[in-house]
N, C-alpha and C. Protein backbone atom coordinates (compact mmCIF):
# COMPACT_ATOMS: atom_id res chain seq x y z
N MET A 1 0.23 -1.25 -0.55
CA MET A 1 0.10 -0.58 -0.19
C MET A 1 0.57 1.47 0.24
N LYS A 2 1.87 1.53 0.85
CA LYS A 2 3.04 2.68 0.73
C LYS A 2 3.85 2.54 -0.75
N ARG A 3 4.04 1.74 -1.70
CA ARG A 3 4.48 2.01 -2.56
C ARG A 3 3.70 2.44 -3.92
N VAL A 4 2.45 1.99 -3.31
CA VAL A 4 1.11 2.88 -4.53
C VAL A 4 1.17 4.33 -3.79
N VAL A 5 0.80 4.68 -2.72
CA VAL A 5 0.79 5.68 -2.50
C VAL A 5 1.87 6.87 -2.78
N ILE A 6 2.86 6.24 -2.49
CA ILE A 6 4.42 7.15 -3.35
C ILE A 6 3.95 6.72 -4.72
N ALA A 7 3.62 6.12 -5.50
CA ALA A 7 3.72 5.78 -6.85
C ALA A 7 2.96 7.36 -7.08
N VAL A 8 1.50 7.05 -6.50
CA VAL A 8 0.75 7.82 -7.41
C VAL A 8 0.54 9.39 -6.93
N VAL A 9 1.83 9.91 -5.72
CA VAL A 9 1.76 11.20 -5.41
C VAL A 9 3.41 11.30 -6.63
N LEU A 10 4.28 10.21 -6.64
CA LEU A 10 4.96 11.00 -7.89
C LEU A 10 4.36 11.40 -9.27
N ALA A 11 3.20 10.38 -9.29
CA ALA A 11 3.31 10.65 -10.57
C ALA A 11 2.61 11.88 -11.05
N LEU A 12 1.37 11.80 -9.64
CA LEU A 12 0.73 13.47 -10.27
C LEU A 12 1.72 14.68 -9.75
N PHE A 13 2.55 14.60 -8.81
CA PHE A 13 3.88 15.56 -9.49
C PHE A 13 4.29 15.53 -10.90
N VAL A 14 4.48 15.01 -11.32
CA VAL A 14 5.12 14.72 -12.84
C VAL A 14 3.98 15.35 -13.74
N ALA A 15 3.11 15.25 -13.38
CA ALA A 15 1.42 15.35 -14.44
C ALA A 15 1.38 17.16 -13.69
N MET A 16 1.55 17.26 -12.48
CA MET A 16 1.53 19.11 -12.46
C MET A 16 2.43 20.18 -13.01
N THR A 17 3.64 19.53 -12.93
CA THR A 17 5.17 19.75 -13.01
C THR A 17 5.43 20.38 -14.80
N GLY A 18 4.28 18.86 -15.45
CA GLY A 18 4.46 18.62 -16.53
C GLY A 18 5.60 18.01 -16.71
N GLY A 19 6.37 17.33 -15.77
CA GLY A 19 7.80 16.54 -16.34
C GLY A 19 9.33 17.64 -16.62
N ALA A 20 9.15 18.97 -16.27
CA ALA A 20 10.09 19.69 -16.76
C ALA A 20 11.02 19.89 -15.75
N TRP A 21 12.20 19.45 -15.44
CA TRP A 21 12.39 20.52 -14.19
C TRP A 21 13.94 21.34 -15.54
N ALA A 22 14.18 22.72 -14.14
CA ALA A 22 15.15 23.77 -15.03
C ALA A 22 16.58 22.44 -14.92
N GLN A 23 17.47 22.60 -15.84
CA GLN A 23 18.45 22.26 -15.51
C GLN A 23 20.13 23.49 -15.96
N ASP A 24 21.23 23.42 -15.89
CA ASP A 24 22.15 24.29 -15.73
C ASP A 24 22.91 23.64 -17.18
N VAL A 25 24.06 24.48 -17.82
CA VAL A 25 24.74 24.26 -18.78
C VAL A 25 25.53 25.80 -19.18
N GLN A 26 27.24 25.30 -18.96
CA GLN A 26 27.76 26.14 -18.62
C GLN A 26 28.95 25.80 -20.09
N GLY A 27 29.17 26.75 -20.77
CA GLY A 27 30.09 26.73 -22.12
C GLY A 27 30.48 28.57 -22.95
N THR A 28 30.62 28.42 -23.77
CA THR A 28 31.18 30.04 -24.95
C THR A 28 30.35 29.67 -26.04
N VAL A 29 29.73 31.06 -26.37
CA VAL A 29 28.39 31.01 -27.29
C VAL A 29 29.40 30.82 -28.86
N LYS A 30 29.02 29.76 -29.65
CA LYS A 30 29.65 29.81 -30.73
C LYS A 30 28.39 30.44 -32.05
N VAL A 31 27.21 30.42 -31.72
CA VAL A 31 26.48 30.94 -32.61
C VAL A 31 24.82 31.29 -32.35
N ILE A 32 24.93 32.94 -32.20
CA ILE A 32 23.20 33.13 -32.24
C ILE A 32 22.85 33.33 -33.69
N GLU A 33 21.45 33.07 -33.35
CA GLU A 33 20.40 32.45 -35.10
C GLU A 33 19.28 34.07 -34.05
N VAL A 34 18.77 34.81 -34.11
CA VAL A 34 18.57 35.87 -33.67
C VAL A 34 17.20 35.38 -34.32
N LYS A 35 16.49 35.20 -36.51
CA LYS A 35 15.91 35.05 -36.37
C LYS A 35 14.93 33.83 -35.69
N GLU A 36 15.64 32.43 -35.73
CA GLU A 36 15.05 31.47 -35.23
C GLU A 36 15.15 31.11 -33.97
N ARG A 37 15.58 32.64 -33.32
CA ARG A 37 15.82 32.75 -31.87
C ARG A 37 16.83 31.36 -31.06
N VAL A 38 17.18 31.07 -31.43
CA VAL A 38 18.62 29.79 -31.21
C VAL A 38 19.66 30.35 -31.19
N MET A 39 21.12 29.82 -29.88
CA MET A 39 22.20 30.10 -29.29
C MET A 39 22.81 28.78 -29.42
N THR A 40 23.93 28.42 -29.81
CA THR A 40 24.58 27.31 -30.06
C THR A 40 25.78 27.41 -29.40
N LEU A 41 26.31 26.44 -28.47
CA LEU A 41 27.20 26.69 -27.59
C LEU A 41 28.11 25.68 -27.99
N ASP A 42 29.99 25.78 -27.88
CA ASP A 42 30.76 25.06 -28.17
C ASP A 42 30.44 24.14 -28.29
N ASP A 43 29.79 22.94 -27.33
CA ASP A 43 30.10 21.68 -26.99
C ASP A 43 28.97 21.28 -28.17
N GLY A 44 27.82 21.92 -28.88
CA GLY A 44 26.78 21.50 -29.68
C GLY A 44 25.24 21.80 -29.19
N THR A 45 25.18 22.02 -27.48
CA THR A 45 24.13 22.46 -27.35
C THR A 45 23.54 23.91 -27.92
N LYS A 46 21.81 23.74 -28.19
CA LYS A 46 21.18 24.59 -29.07
C LYS A 46 20.26 25.01 -27.93
N LEU A 47 20.03 26.07 -27.66
CA LEU A 47 19.20 26.92 -26.74
C LEU A 47 18.21 27.39 -27.28
N PHE A 48 17.00 27.30 -27.34
CA PHE A 48 16.41 28.17 -27.91
C PHE A 48 15.03 29.26 -26.50
N TRP A 49 15.23 30.54 -27.42
CA TRP A 49 13.75 31.26 -25.77
C TRP A 49 12.79 31.84 -27.32
N THR A 50 12.36 32.07 -26.33
CA THR A 50 10.69 32.12 -26.70
C THR A 50 10.37 34.23 -27.00
N GLU A 51 9.92 34.58 -28.10
CA GLU A 51 9.52 35.90 -28.29
C GLU A 51 9.81 36.89 -27.13
N THR A 52 8.99 36.76 -25.96
CA THR A 52 9.03 37.35 -24.58
C THR A 52 10.48 37.43 -23.79
N HIS A 53 11.48 36.75 -24.07
CA HIS A 53 12.81 36.70 -23.94
C HIS A 53 14.05 37.10 -24.85
N THR A 54 14.75 38.00 -24.13
CA THR A 54 15.59 39.12 -25.19
C THR A 54 16.51 38.35 -24.64
N LEU A 55 17.86 38.92 -25.14
CA LEU A 55 19.26 38.13 -24.57
C LEU A 55 19.69 39.60 -25.01
N ALA A 56 20.55 40.04 -23.92
CA ALA A 56 21.67 40.83 -23.81
C ALA A 56 22.40 41.13 -24.21
N PRO A 57 22.94 42.17 -24.87
CA PRO A 57 23.89 42.56 -25.75
C PRO A 57 25.28 42.24 -25.95
N GLU A 58 25.44 42.11 -24.46
CA GLU A 58 26.81 41.74 -24.38
C GLU A 58 26.64 39.88 -24.41
N ILE A 59 26.25 39.56 -24.61
CA ILE A 59 26.14 37.76 -24.57
C ILE A 59 25.75 37.46 -26.39
N LYS A 60 27.09 37.19 -26.38
CA LYS A 60 27.18 37.10 -28.39
C LYS A 60 29.07 36.20 -28.80
N ALA A 61 28.82 35.95 -30.25
CA ALA A 61 29.48 34.60 -30.02
C ALA A 61 31.22 35.19 -29.48
N GLY A 62 31.46 34.10 -28.78
CA GLY A 62 32.93 34.12 -27.84
C GLY A 62 32.62 34.33 -26.36
N ALA A 63 31.07 34.33 -25.99
CA ALA A 63 30.95 34.81 -24.91
C ALA A 63 31.04 33.87 -23.71
N LYS A 64 31.28 33.37 -22.98
CA LYS A 64 31.34 32.58 -22.03
C LYS A 64 29.72 32.71 -21.02
N VAL A 65 29.34 31.76 -20.81
CA VAL A 65 27.64 31.80 -20.51
C VAL A 65 27.48 30.65 -19.29
N LYS A 66 26.77 30.93 -18.38
CA LYS A 66 25.88 29.77 -17.62
C LYS A 66 24.58 30.11 -17.59
N ALA A 67 23.60 29.34 -18.33
CA ALA A 67 22.36 29.11 -18.43
C ALA A 67 21.06 28.05 -18.13
N SER A 68 20.47 28.73 -17.67
CA SER A 68 19.61 27.48 -17.10
C SER A 68 18.43 27.37 -18.33
N TYR A 69 17.87 26.20 -18.26
CA TYR A 69 16.80 25.88 -19.37
C TYR A 69 15.99 24.23 -19.15
N GLU A 70 14.66 23.96 -19.34
CA GLU A 70 13.92 23.12 -19.64
C GLU A 70 14.28 22.46 -20.52
N ALA A 71 13.68 21.21 -20.52
CA ALA A 71 13.83 20.32 -21.90
C ALA A 71 12.12 20.21 -21.88
N GLN A 72 12.03 20.14 -23.35
CA GLN A 72 10.53 20.91 -23.75
C GLN A 72 10.50 18.84 -24.40
N SER A 73 9.00 18.54 -24.75
CA SER A 73 8.43 17.28 -25.13
C SER A 73 9.04 16.78 -26.39
N ASP A 74 9.13 18.04 -27.06
CA ASP A 74 9.69 18.18 -28.85
C ASP A 74 10.58 17.99 -28.68
N GLY A 75 11.84 17.70 -27.07
CA GLY A 75 13.41 17.82 -27.28
C GLY A 75 14.37 19.24 -27.32
N LYS A 76 13.31 20.30 -27.62
CA LYS A 76 13.67 21.58 -27.15
C LYS A 76 14.11 21.58 -26.25
N LEU A 77 15.29 22.41 -25.99
CA LEU A 77 15.69 22.95 -24.33
C LEU A 77 15.45 24.24 -24.84
N VAL A 78 14.61 25.04 -24.05
CA VAL A 78 14.09 26.13 -23.71
C VAL A 78 14.75 26.72 -22.79
N LEU A 79 15.35 28.16 -22.89
CA LEU A 79 16.31 28.80 -22.45
C LEU A 79 15.41 29.54 -21.82
N LYS A 80 16.07 29.65 -19.50
CA LYS A 80 14.63 30.49 -18.87
C LYS A 80 16.00 31.44 -18.35
N LYS A 81 16.88 31.34 -18.43
CA LYS A 81 18.24 32.50 -17.77
C LYS A 81 19.35 32.13 -17.83
N ILE A 82 20.03 33.39 -18.29
CA ILE A 82 21.45 33.62 -18.77
C ILE A 82 22.46 34.34 -18.03
N GLU A 83 23.82 33.82 -18.03
CA GLU A 83 23.86 35.20 -17.65
C GLU A 83 25.84 34.93 -18.19
N ILE A 84 26.34 35.92 -17.98
CA ILE A 84 27.93 36.34 -18.22
C ILE A 84 28.90 35.42 -17.46
N VAL A 85 29.76 34.44 -17.17
CA VAL A 85 30.52 33.89 -16.92
C VAL A 85 32.00 34.48 -17.17
N LYS A 86 32.29 35.33 -16.10
CA LYS A 86 33.73 35.82 -16.01
C LYS A 86 34.50 34.86 -15.00
């Protein structure tokens, strides 16, 4: 019975949060494609942003950044927060 309760609580949590947890990545910006709203890091990670999110002017190719993102069900990594690492 205890296992069933734990499983139900876990399933409800995943359903309520959409199964998405923010994750972090750090690297150097390789390419920013403004029109497609995608930034590629030197390790090949592609981070997408929405039209409500803008990048600071100092975030450009060659900048070292730390970013938080959420993985979407379609596989896209959607940018939630980004900062320059010094």
